[in-house]
Amino acid sequence: AKFELRRAGEHKEGVNQIAARADKKIAAVACWDGMVRIYGIKKPRPLATLKCHSKGVQSVTFSPDSKWLASASDDTRIALWSIFQDD
């Protein structure tokens, strides 16, 4: 399935990376504005905005068990996020 951010929501700033969780239910987006945005994939819609970084987020990746999301930013921080997974 093709994931298009234009359908999921408007981005005023750019995007550096998109990572899909292993179950392909959600995607994390590393944004230039310092936010990590979480979107549904099957029905593209915004689910959450994660705020921690003060500069652009360069990378996002899910842990192999899909319980954690890591984000890395130009502010030299790495953040770990606990991500809800419905079974």
N, C-alpha and C. Protein backbone atom coordinates (compact mmCIF):
# COMPACT_ATOMS: atom_id res chain seq x y z
N ALA A 1 0.84 -1.18 0.00
CA ALA A 1 0.00 0.00 0.00
C ALA A 1 0.88 1.24 0.00
N LYS A 2 0.50 2.18 -0.80
CA LYS A 2 1.25 3.41 -0.91
C LYS A 2 0.78 4.39 0.16
N PHE A 3 1.73 4.98 0.87
CA PHE A 3 1.42 5.92 1.94
C PHE A 3 1.75 7.32 1.45
N GLU A 4 0.76 8.18 1.44
CA GLU A 4 0.96 9.56 0.98
C GLU A 4 0.63 10.53 2.08
N LEU A 5 1.61 11.35 2.45
CA LEU A 5 1.39 12.34 3.50
C LEU A 5 0.38 13.39 3.10
N ARG A 6 0.25 13.64 1.82
CA ARG A 6 -0.73 14.64 1.38
C ARG A 6 -2.14 14.24 1.81
N ARG A 7 -2.41 12.97 1.82
CA ARG A 7 -3.73 12.50 2.25
C ARG A 7 -3.86 12.53 3.77
N ALA A 8 -2.75 12.25 4.45
CA ALA A 8 -2.79 12.11 5.90
C ALA A 8 -2.85 13.45 6.62
N GLY A 9 -2.29 14.47 6.06
CA GLY A 9 -2.28 15.77 6.73
C GLY A 9 -1.31 16.71 6.05
N GLU A 10 -1.48 17.97 6.29
CA GLU A 10 -0.63 18.97 5.68
C GLU A 10 0.65 19.14 6.47
N HIS A 11 1.75 19.27 5.76
CA HIS A 11 3.05 19.56 6.37
C HIS A 11 3.52 20.90 5.86
N LYS A 12 3.67 21.85 6.76
CA LYS A 12 4.18 23.16 6.38
C LYS A 12 5.70 23.11 6.23
N GLU A 13 6.32 22.18 6.92
CA GLU A 13 7.76 21.98 6.86
C GLU A 13 8.01 20.66 6.12
N GLY A 14 9.27 20.38 5.86
CA GLY A 14 9.62 19.17 5.12
C GLY A 14 9.73 17.94 6.01
N VAL A 15 9.99 16.83 5.35
CA VAL A 15 10.10 15.53 6.00
C VAL A 15 11.45 14.93 5.65
N ASN A 16 12.14 14.36 6.64
CA ASN A 16 13.42 13.71 6.40
C ASN A 16 13.30 12.21 6.19
N GLN A 17 12.40 11.56 6.92
CA GLN A 17 12.30 10.11 6.83
C GLN A 17 10.92 9.65 7.29
N ILE A 18 10.49 8.53 6.73
CA ILE A 18 9.25 7.86 7.16
C ILE A 18 9.61 6.41 7.47
N ALA A 19 9.15 5.92 8.62
CA ALA A 19 9.38 4.52 9.00
C ALA A 19 8.05 3.89 9.35
N ALA A 20 7.79 2.71 8.80
CA ALA A 20 6.57 1.96 9.11
C ALA A 20 6.86 0.94 10.20
N ARG A 21 5.91 0.79 11.12
CA ARG A 21 6.02 -0.25 12.14
C ARG A 21 5.87 -1.61 11.45
N ALA A 22 6.42 -2.65 12.03
CA ALA A 22 6.44 -3.99 11.42
C ALA A 22 5.05 -4.50 11.04
N ASP A 23 4.02 -4.15 11.83
CA ASP A 23 2.66 -4.61 11.52
C ASP A 23 1.98 -3.77 10.44
N LYS A 24 2.66 -2.75 9.96
CA LYS A 24 2.17 -1.86 8.88
C LYS A 24 0.88 -1.13 9.24
N LYS A 25 0.63 -0.93 10.55
CA LYS A 25 -0.57 -0.20 10.97
C LYS A 25 -0.29 1.29 11.13
N ILE A 26 0.93 1.64 11.55
CA ILE A 26 1.27 3.05 11.74
C ILE A 26 2.62 3.36 11.13
N ALA A 27 2.84 4.63 10.86
CA ALA A 27 4.12 5.12 10.36
C ALA A 27 4.54 6.32 11.19
N ALA A 28 5.85 6.44 11.41
CA ALA A 28 6.43 7.59 12.09
C ALA A 28 7.12 8.46 11.05
N VAL A 29 6.96 9.76 11.20
CA VAL A 29 7.52 10.71 10.24
C VAL A 29 8.48 11.65 10.96
N ALA A 30 9.73 11.73 10.49
CA ALA A 30 10.74 12.64 11.04
C ALA A 30 10.62 13.97 10.30
N CYS A 31 10.25 15.02 11.01
CA CYS A 31 9.93 16.29 10.37
C CYS A 31 10.98 17.37 10.64
N TRP A 32 11.12 18.28 9.69
CA TRP A 32 12.08 19.39 9.80
C TRP A 32 11.76 20.30 10.97
N ASP A 33 10.50 20.37 11.38
CA ASP A 33 10.11 21.30 12.45
C ASP A 33 10.40 20.77 13.85
N GLY A 34 11.10 19.63 13.96
CA GLY A 34 11.45 19.06 15.26
C GLY A 34 10.42 18.12 15.84
N MET A 35 9.37 17.87 15.11
CA MET A 35 8.30 16.97 15.58
C MET A 35 8.44 15.59 14.95
N VAL A 36 7.95 14.60 15.67
CA VAL A 36 7.75 13.26 15.13
C VAL A 36 6.25 13.08 15.06
N ARG A 37 5.76 12.79 13.87
CA ARG A 37 4.31 12.63 13.70
C ARG A 37 4.01 11.16 13.41
N ILE A 38 2.94 10.68 14.05
CA ILE A 38 2.50 9.30 13.88
C ILE A 38 1.21 9.31 13.07
N TYR A 39 1.17 8.47 12.04
CA TYR A 39 0.00 8.38 11.16
C TYR A 39 -0.47 6.95 11.05
N GLY A 40 -1.78 6.78 10.86
CA GLY A 40 -2.32 5.48 10.49
C GLY A 40 -1.97 5.24 9.03
N ILE A 41 -1.72 4.01 8.66
CA ILE A 41 -1.36 3.71 7.26
C ILE A 41 -2.58 3.28 6.46
N LYS A 42 -3.38 2.36 6.99
CA LYS A 42 -4.54 1.86 6.24
C LYS A 42 -5.52 2.99 5.94
N LYS A 43 -5.81 3.78 6.96
CA LYS A 43 -6.63 4.98 6.79
C LYS A 43 -5.74 6.16 7.15
N PRO A 44 -5.05 6.73 6.16
CA PRO A 44 -4.07 7.79 6.47
C PRO A 44 -4.69 8.97 7.22
N ARG A 45 -4.35 9.04 8.51
CA ARG A 45 -4.81 10.15 9.33
C ARG A 45 -3.81 10.36 10.45
N PRO A 46 -3.68 11.59 10.92
CA PRO A 46 -2.76 11.85 12.03
C PRO A 46 -3.27 11.21 13.32
N LEU A 47 -2.38 10.57 14.06
CA LEU A 47 -2.73 9.93 15.32
C LEU A 47 -2.08 10.63 16.51
N ALA A 48 -0.86 11.16 16.32
CA ALA A 48 -0.14 11.80 17.43
C ALA A 48 0.98 12.68 16.88
N THR A 49 1.33 13.68 17.67
CA THR A 49 2.52 14.50 17.41
C THR A 49 3.38 14.42 18.65
N LEU A 50 4.61 13.95 18.48
CA LEU A 50 5.55 13.77 19.59
C LEU A 50 6.53 14.94 19.60
N LYS A 51 6.58 15.63 20.75
CA LYS A 51 7.41 16.82 20.87
C LYS A 51 8.53 16.57 21.87
N CYS A 52 9.77 16.70 21.42
CA CYS A 52 10.92 16.56 22.30
C CYS A 52 12.10 17.35 21.76
N HIS A 53 12.22 17.37 20.45
CA HIS A 53 13.40 17.94 19.81
C HIS A 53 13.24 19.44 19.53
N SER A 54 14.37 20.14 19.60
CA SER A 54 14.35 21.59 19.34
C SER A 54 14.83 21.94 17.94
N LYS A 55 15.31 20.94 17.21
CA LYS A 55 15.73 21.13 15.81
C LYS A 55 15.17 19.98 14.98
N GLY A 56 15.40 20.03 13.69
CA GLY A 56 14.84 19.04 12.79
C GLY A 56 15.17 17.61 13.16
N VAL A 57 14.19 16.72 13.02
CA VAL A 57 14.38 15.30 13.28
C VAL A 57 14.90 14.67 11.99
N GLN A 58 16.01 13.97 12.10
CA GLN A 58 16.65 13.37 10.93
C GLN A 58 16.26 11.92 10.69
N SER A 59 15.96 11.20 11.77
CA SER A 59 15.75 9.77 11.63
C SER A 59 14.73 9.25 12.64
N VAL A 60 13.94 8.27 12.22
CA VAL A 60 13.01 7.55 13.09
C VAL A 60 13.10 6.06 12.76
N THR A 61 13.01 5.24 13.79
CA THR A 61 13.02 3.79 13.58
C THR A 61 12.29 3.09 14.72
N PHE A 62 11.58 2.03 14.38
CA PHE A 62 10.88 1.22 15.37
C PHE A 62 11.78 0.09 15.84
N SER A 63 11.65 -0.30 17.10
CA SER A 63 12.37 -1.46 17.62
C SER A 63 11.81 -2.72 16.96
N PRO A 64 12.58 -3.81 16.95
CA PRO A 64 12.10 -5.05 16.32
C PRO A 64 10.78 -5.57 16.90
N ASP A 65 10.54 -5.32 18.20
CA ASP A 65 9.28 -5.78 18.81
C ASP A 65 8.15 -4.75 18.67
N SER A 66 8.43 -3.63 18.02
CA SER A 66 7.46 -2.56 17.72
C SER A 66 6.95 -1.82 18.96
N LYS A 67 7.56 -2.02 20.10
CA LYS A 67 7.10 -1.35 21.32
C LYS A 67 7.74 0.01 21.52
N TRP A 68 8.83 0.27 20.83
CA TRP A 68 9.57 1.52 20.99
C TRP A 68 9.82 2.18 19.64
N LEU A 69 9.88 3.50 19.69
CA LEU A 69 10.26 4.29 18.53
C LEU A 69 11.43 5.16 18.97
N ALA A 70 12.49 5.20 18.17
CA ALA A 70 13.62 6.07 18.44
C ALA A 70 13.63 7.19 17.41
N SER A 71 13.94 8.39 17.87
CA SER A 71 14.09 9.53 16.96
C SER A 71 15.42 10.23 17.26
N ALA A 72 16.07 10.70 16.21
CA ALA A 72 17.35 11.40 16.34
C ALA A 72 17.23 12.73 15.63
N SER A 73 17.80 13.77 16.26
CA SER A 73 17.60 15.13 15.78
C SER A 73 18.91 15.89 15.62
N ASP A 74 18.84 16.99 14.88
CA ASP A 74 19.97 17.92 14.74
C ASP A 74 20.33 18.57 16.07
N ASP A 75 19.47 18.47 17.07
CA ASP A 75 19.78 19.05 18.39
C ASP A 75 20.69 18.12 19.20
N THR A 76 21.17 17.05 18.58
CA THR A 76 22.08 16.03 19.13
C THR A 76 21.40 15.12 20.16
N ARG A 77 20.09 15.13 20.25
CA ARG A 77 19.36 14.25 21.16
C ARG A 77 18.81 13.04 20.43
N ILE A 78 18.74 11.95 21.18
CA ILE A 78 18.02 10.76 20.73
C ILE A 78 16.89 10.55 21.72
N ALA A 79 15.68 10.39 21.23
CA ALA A 79 14.53 10.18 22.11
C ALA A 79 13.98 8.78 21.89
N LEU A 80 13.55 8.15 22.97
CA LEU A 80 12.87 6.85 22.90
C LEU A 80 11.43 7.05 23.33
N TRP A 81 10.52 6.56 22.52
CA TRP A 81 9.09 6.73 22.76
C TRP A 81 8.47 5.35 22.92
N SER A 82 7.66 5.19 23.95
CA SER A 82 6.88 3.97 24.13
C SER A 82 5.66 4.08 23.22
N ILE A 83 5.51 3.11 22.34
CA ILE A 83 4.43 3.17 21.34
C ILE A 83 3.41 2.08 21.65
N PHE A 84 2.15 2.48 21.81
CA PHE A 84 1.06 1.54 22.07
C PHE A 84 0.90 0.61 20.88
N GLN A 85 0.73 -0.66 21.18
CA GLN A 85 0.47 -1.64 20.13
C GLN A 85 -0.74 -2.47 20.51
N ASP A 86 -1.80 -2.36 19.72
CA ASP A 86 -2.98 -3.18 20.01
C ASP A 86 -2.78 -4.56 19.39
N ASP A 87 -3.05 -5.58 20.15
CA ASP A 87 -2.80 -6.95 19.69
C ASP A 87 -3.99 -7.52 19.06
